């Protein structure tokens, strides 16, 4: 999966940017956020960014892909 990610990320990002420029699906703000994060740490910024772009492209909800839970430390109950 890591090698596929490394070889396919740029192609997928280019495709999604092209689709966005054509007025389809993906908000420009997502690309701006990825570019800002990408400039400081290329690989670590791209993986979550690509996942969010694909979710947006297919008009799905982030909540359908990720379960958000509160993390408690120690013996205290949340």
PDB file of N, CA and C in Angstrom:
ATOM      1  N   UNK A   1       0.820  -1.181   0.000  1.00  0.00           N
ATOM      2  CA  UNK A   1       0.000   0.000   0.000  1.00  0.00           C
ATOM      3  C   UNK A   1       0.878   1.264   0.000  1.00  0.00           C
ATOM      4  N   UNK A   2       1.970   1.223   0.756  1.00  0.00           N
ATOM      5  CA  UNK A   2       2.854   2.379   0.818  1.00  0.00           C
ATOM      6  C   UNK A   2       3.458   2.664  -0.553  1.00  0.00           C
ATOM      7  N   UNK A   3       3.928   1.634  -1.236  1.00  0.00           N
ATOM      8  CA  UNK A   3       4.530   1.866  -2.554  1.00  0.00           C
ATOM      9  C   UNK A   3       3.485   2.337  -3.559  1.00  0.00           C
ATOM     10  N   UNK A   4       2.270   1.805  -3.489  1.00  0.00           N
ATOM     11  CA  UNK A   4       1.197   2.259  -4.373  1.00  0.00           C
ATOM     12  C   UNK A   4       0.876   3.720  -4.095  1.00  0.00           C
ATOM     13  N   UNK A   5       0.843   4.072  -2.831  1.00  0.00           N
ATOM     14  CA  UNK A   5       0.583   5.460  -2.466  1.00  0.00           C
ATOM     15  C   UNK A   5       1.661   6.379  -3.039  1.00  0.00           C
ATOM     16  N   UNK A   6       2.907   5.982  -2.898  1.00  0.00           N
ATOM     17  CA  UNK A   6       4.010   6.811  -3.369  1.00  0.00           C
ATOM     18  C   UNK A   6       3.995   6.982  -4.887  1.00  0.00           C
ATOM     19  N   UNK A   7       3.559   5.961  -5.604  1.00  0.00           N
ATOM     20  CA  UNK A   7       3.577   6.049  -7.060  1.00  0.00           C
ATOM     21  C   UNK A   7       2.295   6.635  -7.649  1.00  0.00           C
ATOM     22  N   UNK A   8       1.200   6.538  -6.962  1.00  0.00           N
ATOM     23  CA  UNK A   8      -0.090   6.959  -7.518  1.00  0.00           C
ATOM     24  C   UNK A   8      -0.571   8.320  -7.027  1.00  0.00           C
ATOM     25  N   UNK A   9      -0.015   8.826  -5.940  1.00  0.00           N
ATOM     26  CA  UNK A   9      -0.516  10.054  -5.325  1.00  0.00           C
ATOM     27  C   UNK A   9      -0.503  11.240  -6.280  1.00  0.00           C
ATOM     28  N   UNK A  10       0.591  11.466  -6.949  1.00  0.00           N
ATOM     29  CA  UNK A  10       0.673  12.624  -7.842  1.00  0.00           C
ATOM     30  C   UNK A  10      -0.319  12.530  -8.989  1.00  0.00           C
ATOM     31  N   UNK A  11      -0.516  11.339  -9.528  1.00  0.00           N
ATOM     32  CA  UNK A  11      -1.486  11.163 -10.608  1.00  0.00           C
ATOM     33  C   UNK A  11      -2.901  11.420 -10.111  1.00  0.00           C
ATOM     34  N   UNK A  12      -3.217  10.894  -8.949  1.00  0.00           N
ATOM     35  CA  UNK A  12      -4.551  11.085  -8.386  1.00  0.00           C
ATOM     36  C   UNK A  12      -4.792  12.555  -8.050  1.00  0.00           C
ATOM     37  N   UNK A  13      -3.808  13.199  -7.466  1.00  0.00           N
ATOM     38  CA  UNK A  13      -3.925  14.619  -7.139  1.00  0.00           C
ATOM     39  C   UNK A  13      -4.129  15.447  -8.416  1.00  0.00           C
ATOM     40  N   UNK A  14      -3.383  15.152  -9.450  1.00  0.00           N
ATOM     41  CA  UNK A  14      -3.521  15.868 -10.726  1.00  0.00           C
ATOM     42  C   UNK A  14      -4.909  15.649 -11.323  1.00  0.00           C
ATOM     43  N   UNK A  15      -5.408  14.431 -11.285  1.00  0.00           N
ATOM     44  CA  UNK A  15      -6.748  14.139 -11.795  1.00  0.00           C
ATOM     45  C   UNK A  15      -7.809  14.931 -11.038  1.00  0.00           C
ATOM     46  N   UNK A  16      -7.724  14.914  -9.714  1.00  0.00           N
ATOM     47  CA  UNK A  16      -8.725  15.610  -8.902  1.00  0.00           C
ATOM     48  C   UNK A  16      -8.641  17.123  -9.099  1.00  0.00           C
ATOM     49  N   UNK A  17      -7.440  17.660  -9.270  1.00  0.00           N
ATOM     50  CA  UNK A  17      -7.302  19.095  -9.559  1.00  0.00           C
ATOM     51  C   UNK A  17      -7.924  19.427 -10.905  1.00  0.00           C
ATOM     52  N   UNK A  18      -7.712  18.569 -11.896  1.00  0.00           N
ATOM     53  CA  UNK A  18      -8.288  18.780 -13.221  1.00  0.00           C
ATOM     54  C   UNK A  18      -9.813  18.742 -13.153  1.00  0.00           C
ATOM     55  N   UNK A  19     -10.358  17.787 -12.428  1.00  0.00           N
ATOM     56  CA  UNK A  19     -11.806  17.690 -12.271  1.00  0.00           C
ATOM     57  C   UNK A  19     -12.350  18.921 -11.549  1.00  0.00           C
ATOM     58  N   UNK A  20     -11.624  19.390 -10.556  1.00  0.00           N
ATOM     59  CA  UNK A  20     -12.037  20.570  -9.801  1.00  0.00           C
ATOM     60  C   UNK A  20     -12.018  21.806 -10.698  1.00  0.00           C
ATOM     61  N   UNK A  21     -11.010  21.915 -11.543  1.00  0.00           N
ATOM     62  CA  UNK A  21     -10.918  23.047 -12.466  1.00  0.00           C
ATOM     63  C   UNK A  21     -12.057  23.025 -13.477  1.00  0.00           C
ATOM     64  N   UNK A  22     -12.548  21.853 -13.771  1.00  0.00           N
ATOM     65  CA  UNK A  22     -13.659  21.712 -14.710  1.00  0.00           C
ATOM     66  C   UNK A  22     -15.002  21.945 -14.016  1.00  0.00           C
ATOM     67  N   UNK A  23     -14.956  22.321 -12.738  1.00  0.00           N
ATOM     68  CA  UNK A  23     -16.183  22.631 -12.008  1.00  0.00           C
ATOM     69  C   UNK A  23     -16.868  21.425 -11.400  1.00  0.00           C
ATOM     70  N   UNK A  24     -16.149  20.343 -11.242  1.00  0.00           N
ATOM     71  CA  UNK A  24     -16.758  19.118 -10.720  1.00  0.00           C
ATOM     72  C   UNK A  24     -16.302  18.846  -9.293  1.00  0.00           C
ATOM     73  N   UNK A  25     -17.217  18.530  -8.465  1.00  0.00           N
ATOM     74  CA  UNK A  25     -17.058  17.896  -7.152  1.00  0.00           C
ATOM     75  C   UNK A  25     -16.205  18.545  -6.072  1.00  0.00           C
ATOM     76  N   UNK A  26     -14.915  18.719  -6.274  1.00  0.00           N
ATOM     77  CA  UNK A  26     -14.016  18.986  -5.163  1.00  0.00           C
ATOM     78  C   UNK A  26     -13.819  20.490  -4.955  1.00  0.00           C
ATOM     79  N   UNK A  27     -13.989  20.929  -3.709  1.00  0.00           N
ATOM     80  CA  UNK A  27     -13.831  22.338  -3.367  1.00  0.00           C
ATOM     81  C   UNK A  27     -12.360  22.753  -3.439  1.00  0.00           C
ATOM     82  N   UNK A  28     -12.121  23.918  -3.956  1.00  0.00           N
ATOM     83  CA  UNK A  28     -10.757  24.443  -4.090  1.00  0.00           C
ATOM     84  C   UNK A  28     -10.078  24.584  -2.727  1.00  0.00           C
ATOM     85  N   UNK A  29     -10.855  24.834  -1.688  1.00  0.00           N
ATOM     86  CA  UNK A  29     -10.278  25.025  -0.352  1.00  0.00           C
ATOM     87  C   UNK A  29      -9.538  23.778   0.125  1.00  0.00           C
ATOM     88  N   UNK A  30      -9.986  22.595  -0.274  1.00  0.00           N
ATOM     89  CA  UNK A  30      -9.265  21.373   0.092  1.00  0.00           C
ATOM     90  C   UNK A  30      -7.873  21.351  -0.527  1.00  0.00           C
ATOM     91  N   UNK A  31      -7.779  21.768  -1.769  1.00  0.00           N
ATOM     92  CA  UNK A  31      -6.470  21.813  -2.430  1.00  0.00           C
ATOM     93  C   UNK A  31      -5.560  22.840  -1.763  1.00  0.00           C
ATOM     94  N   UNK A  32      -6.132  23.976  -1.374  1.00  0.00           N
ATOM     95  CA  UNK A  32      -5.341  25.002  -0.697  1.00  0.00           C
ATOM     96  C   UNK A  32      -4.799  24.487   0.630  1.00  0.00           C
ATOM     97  N   UNK A  33      -5.640  23.776   1.384  1.00  0.00           N
ATOM     98  CA  UNK A  33      -5.202  23.202   2.660  1.00  0.00           C
ATOM     99  C   UNK A  33      -4.092  22.174   2.457  1.00  0.00           C
ATOM    100  N   UNK A  34      -4.239  21.342   1.453  1.00  0.00           N
ATOM    101  CA  UNK A  34      -3.221  20.326   1.161  1.00  0.00           C
ATOM    102  C   UNK A  34      -1.922  20.993   0.738  1.00  0.00           C
ATOM    103  N   UNK A  35      -2.007  22.010  -0.116  1.00  0.00           N
ATOM    104  CA  UNK A  35      -0.796  22.707  -0.559  1.00  0.00           C
ATOM    105  C   UNK A  35      -0.073  23.351   0.612  1.00  0.00           C
ATOM    106  N   UNK A  36      -0.817  23.950   1.541  1.00  0.00           N
ATOM    107  CA  UNK A  36      -0.197  24.591   2.707  1.00  0.00           C
ATOM    108  C   UNK A  36       0.507  23.554   3.583  1.00  0.00           C
ATOM    109  N   UNK A  37      -0.158  22.441   3.856  1.00  0.00           N
ATOM    110  CA  UNK A  37       0.441  21.388   4.674  1.00  0.00           C
ATOM    111  C   UNK A  37       1.548  20.676   3.910  1.00  0.00           C
ATOM    112  N   UNK A  38       1.336  20.516   2.643  1.00  0.00           N
ATOM    113  CA  UNK A  38       2.263  19.801   1.766  1.00  0.00           C
ATOM    114  C   UNK A  38       3.633  20.483   1.719  1.00  0.00           C
ATOM    115  N   UNK A  39       3.648  21.797   1.768  1.00  0.00           N
ATOM    116  CA  UNK A  39       4.917  22.513   1.646  1.00  0.00           C
ATOM    117  C   UNK A  39       5.853  22.232   2.818  1.00  0.00           C
ATOM    118  N   UNK A  40       5.288  21.902   3.985  1.00  0.00           N
ATOM    119  CA  UNK A  40       6.150  21.659   5.135  1.00  0.00           C
ATOM    120  C   UNK A  40       6.531  20.180   5.290  1.00  0.00           C
ATOM    121  N   UNK A  41       5.666  19.269   4.902  1.00  0.00           N
ATOM    122  CA  UNK A  41       5.969  17.841   5.047  1.00  0.00           C
ATOM    123  C   UNK A  41       5.203  17.065   3.983  1.00  0.00           C
ATOM    124  N   UNK A  42       5.815  16.886   2.856  1.00  0.00           N
ATOM    125  CA  UNK A  42       5.161  16.350   1.663  1.00  0.00           C
ATOM    126  C   UNK A  42       4.364  15.065   1.891  1.00  0.00           C
ATOM    127  N   UNK A  43       4.985  14.003   2.307  1.00  0.00           N
ATOM    128  CA  UNK A  43       4.296  12.717   2.386  1.00  0.00           C
ATOM    129  C   UNK A  43       3.230  12.675   3.469  1.00  0.00           C
ATOM    130  N   UNK A  44       3.533  13.222   4.620  1.00  0.00           N
ATOM    131  CA  UNK A  44       2.571  13.170   5.725  1.00  0.00           C
ATOM    132  C   UNK A  44       1.330  14.000   5.435  1.00  0.00           C
ATOM    133  N   UNK A  45       1.459  15.052   4.647  1.00  0.00           N
ATOM    134  CA  UNK A  45       0.323  15.901   4.323  1.00  0.00           C
ATOM    135  C   UNK A  45      -0.527  15.303   3.211  1.00  0.00           C
ATOM    136  N   UNK A  46       0.077  14.575   2.324  1.00  0.00           N
ATOM    137  CA  UNK A  46      -0.663  14.076   1.167  1.00  0.00           C
ATOM    138  C   UNK A  46      -1.636  12.950   1.490  1.00  0.00           C
ATOM    139  N   UNK A  47      -1.281  12.050   2.338  1.00  0.00           N
ATOM    140  CA  UNK A  47      -2.161  10.909   2.595  1.00  0.00           C
ATOM    141  C   UNK A  47      -3.523  11.328   3.124  1.00  0.00           C
ATOM    142  N   UNK A  48      -3.609  12.080   4.213  1.00  0.00           N
ATOM    143  CA  UNK A  48      -4.950  12.482   4.658  1.00  0.00           C
ATOM    144  C   UNK A  48      -5.627  13.408   3.654  1.00  0.00           C
ATOM    145  N   UNK A  49      -4.843  14.210   2.965  1.00  0.00           N
ATOM    146  CA  UNK A  49      -5.419  15.104   1.970  1.00  0.00           C
ATOM    147  C   UNK A  49      -6.062  14.354   0.824  1.00  0.00           C
ATOM    148  N   UNK A  50      -5.385  13.349   0.318  1.00  0.00           N
ATOM    149  CA  UNK A  50      -5.932  12.541  -0.774  1.00  0.00           C
ATOM    150  C   UNK A  50      -7.201  11.822  -0.323  1.00  0.00           C
ATOM    151  N   UNK A  51      -7.190  11.293   0.892  1.00  0.00           N
ATOM    152  CA  UNK A  51      -8.382  10.609   1.414  1.00  0.00           C
ATOM    153  C   UNK A  51      -9.562  11.579   1.448  1.00  0.00           C
ATOM    154  N   UNK A  52      -9.342  12.791   1.951  1.00  0.00           N
ATOM    155  CA  UNK A  52     -10.419  13.782   2.006  1.00  0.00           C
ATOM    156  C   UNK A  52     -10.884  14.199   0.615  1.00  0.00           C
ATOM    157  N   UNK A  53      -9.945  14.311  -0.321  1.00  0.00           N
ATOM    158  CA  UNK A  53     -10.324  14.662  -1.691  1.00  0.00           C
ATOM    159  C   UNK A  53     -11.177  13.581  -2.347  1.00  0.00           C
ATOM    160  N   UNK A  54     -10.802  12.336  -2.146  1.00  0.00           N
ATOM    161  CA  UNK A  54     -11.582  11.236  -2.730  1.00  0.00           C
ATOM    162  C   UNK A  54     -12.986  11.186  -2.113  1.00  0.00           C
ATOM    163  N   UNK A  55     -13.066  11.391  -0.802  1.00  0.00           N
ATOM    164  CA  UNK A  55     -14.377  11.436  -0.137  1.00  0.00           C
ATOM    165  C   UNK A  55     -15.230  12.554  -0.739  1.00  0.00           C
ATOM    166  N   UNK A  56     -14.627  13.739  -0.921  1.00  0.00           N
ATOM    167  CA  UNK A  56     -15.363  14.870  -1.490  1.00  0.00           C
ATOM    168  C   UNK A  56     -15.744  14.608  -2.947  1.00  0.00           C
ATOM    169  N   UNK A  57     -14.844  14.006  -3.701  1.00  0.00           N
ATOM    170  CA  UNK A  57     -15.108  13.737  -5.113  1.00  0.00           C
ATOM    171  C   UNK A  57     -16.340  12.851  -5.294  1.00  0.00           C
ATOM    172  N   UNK A  58     -16.465  11.855  -4.444  1.00  0.00           N
ATOM    173  CA  UNK A  58     -17.603  10.946  -4.546  1.00  0.00           C
ATOM    174  C   UNK A  58     -18.804  11.422  -3.734  1.00  0.00           C
ATOM    175  N   UNK A  59     -18.714  12.658  -3.207  1.00  0.00           N
ATOM    176  CA  UNK A  59     -19.801  13.302  -2.476  1.00  0.00           C
ATOM    177  C   UNK A  59     -20.269  12.474  -1.285  1.00  0.00           C
ATOM    178  N   UNK A  60     -19.319  11.874  -0.618  1.00  0.00           N
ATOM    179  CA  UNK A  60     -19.610  11.122   0.593  1.00  0.00           C
ATOM    180  C   UNK A  60     -19.362  12.017   1.794  1.00  0.00           C
ATOM    181  N   UNK A  61     -19.704  11.506   2.956  1.00  0.00           N
ATOM    182  CA  UNK A  61     -19.504  12.235   4.199  1.00  0.00           C
ATOM    183  C   UNK A  61     -18.284  11.673   4.925  1.00  0.00           C
ATOM    184  N   UNK A  62     -17.496  12.557   5.504  1.00  0.00           N
ATOM    185  CA  UNK A  62     -16.345  12.123   6.289  1.00  0.00           C
ATOM    186  C   UNK A  62     -16.804  11.221   7.432  1.00  0.00           C
ATOM    187  N   UNK A  63     -17.977  11.499   7.981  1.00  0.00           N
ATOM    188  CA  UNK A  63     -18.519  10.697   9.081  1.00  0.00           C
ATOM    189  C   UNK A  63     -18.779   9.244   8.671  1.00  0.00           C
ATOM    190  N   UNK A  64     -18.988   9.002   7.373  1.00  0.00           N
ATOM    191  CA  UNK A  64     -19.195   7.634   6.897  1.00  0.00           C
ATOM    192  C   UNK A  64     -17.890   6.838   6.867  1.00  0.00           C
ATOM    193  N   UNK A  65     -16.764   7.525   6.877  1.00  0.00           N
ATOM    194  CA  UNK A  65     -15.467   6.864   6.771  1.00  0.00           C
ATOM    195  C   UNK A  65     -14.697   6.787   8.078  1.00  0.00           C
ATOM    196  N   UNK A  66     -14.952   7.729   8.962  1.00  0.00           N
ATOM    197  CA  UNK A  66     -14.194   7.810  10.204  1.00  0.00           C
ATOM    198  C   UNK A  66     -15.124   7.862  11.395  1.00  0.00           C
ATOM    199  N   UNK A  67     -14.769   7.156  12.424  1.00  0.00           N
ATOM    200  CA  UNK A  67     -15.512   7.202  13.678  1.00  0.00           C
ATOM    201  C   UNK A  67     -14.719   8.081  14.635  1.00  0.00           C
ATOM    202  N   UNK A  68     -15.342   9.151  15.064  1.00  0.00           N
ATOM    203  CA  UNK A  68     -14.683  10.081  15.973  1.00  0.00           C
ATOM    204  C   UNK A  68     -15.105   9.737  17.389  1.00  0.00           C
ATOM    205  N   UNK A  69     -14.128   9.540  18.235  1.00  0.00           N
ATOM    206  CA  UNK A  69     -14.397   9.203  19.631  1.00  0.00           C
ATOM    207  C   UNK A  69     -13.574  10.107  20.539  1.00  0.00           C
ATOM    208  N   UNK A  70     -14.064  10.304  21.735  1.00  0.00           N
ATOM    209  CA  UNK A  70     -13.326  11.080  22.715  1.00  0.00           C
ATOM    210  C   UNK A  70     -12.343  10.155  23.419  1.00  0.00           C
ATOM    211  N   UNK A  71     -11.111  10.583  23.524  1.00  0.00           N
ATOM    212  CA  UNK A  71     -10.080   9.781  24.166  1.00  0.00           C
ATOM    213  C   UNK A  71      -9.933  10.254  25.606  1.00  0.00           C
ATOM    214  N   UNK A  72     -10.019   9.304  26.515  1.00  0.00           N
ATOM    215  CA  UNK A  72      -9.872   9.624  27.933  1.00  0.00           C
ATOM    216  C   UNK A  72      -8.545   9.069  28.423  1.00  0.00           C
ATOM    217  N   UNK A  73      -7.899   9.817  29.278  1.00  0.00           N
ATOM    218  CA  UNK A  73      -6.640   9.353  29.855  1.00  0.00           C
ATOM    219  C   UNK A  73      -6.871   9.015  31.325  1.00  0.00           C
ATOM    220  N   UNK A  74      -6.212   7.984  31.782  1.00  0.00           N
ATOM    221  CA  UNK A  74      -6.342   7.600  33.184  1.00  0.00           C
ATOM    222  C   UNK A  74      -7.623   6.820  33.440  1.00  0.00           C
ATOM    223  N   UNK A  75      -8.031   6.805  34.688  1.00  0.00           N
ATOM    224  CA  UNK A  75      -9.195   6.011  35.090  1.00  0.00           C
ATOM    225  C   UNK A  75     -10.494   6.804  35.010  1.00  0.00           C
ATOM    226  N   UNK A  76     -10.391   8.085  34.709  1.00  0.00           N
ATOM    227  CA  UNK A  76     -11.581   8.922  34.613  1.00  0.00           C
ATOM    228  C   UNK A  76     -12.462   8.465  33.448  1.00  0.00           C
ATOM    229  N   UNK A  77     -13.747   8.430  33.663  1.00  0.00           N
ATOM    230  CA  UNK A  77     -14.649   8.059  32.587  1.00  0.00           C
ATOM    231  C   UNK A  77     -15.113   9.316  31.886  1.00  0.00           C
ATOM    232  N   UNK A  78     -15.290   9.219  30.600  1.00  0.00           N
ATOM    233  CA  UNK A  78     -15.720  10.379  29.811  1.00  0.00           C
ATOM    234  C   UNK A  78     -17.220  10.481  29.782  1.00  0.00           C
TER     235      UNK A  78
END
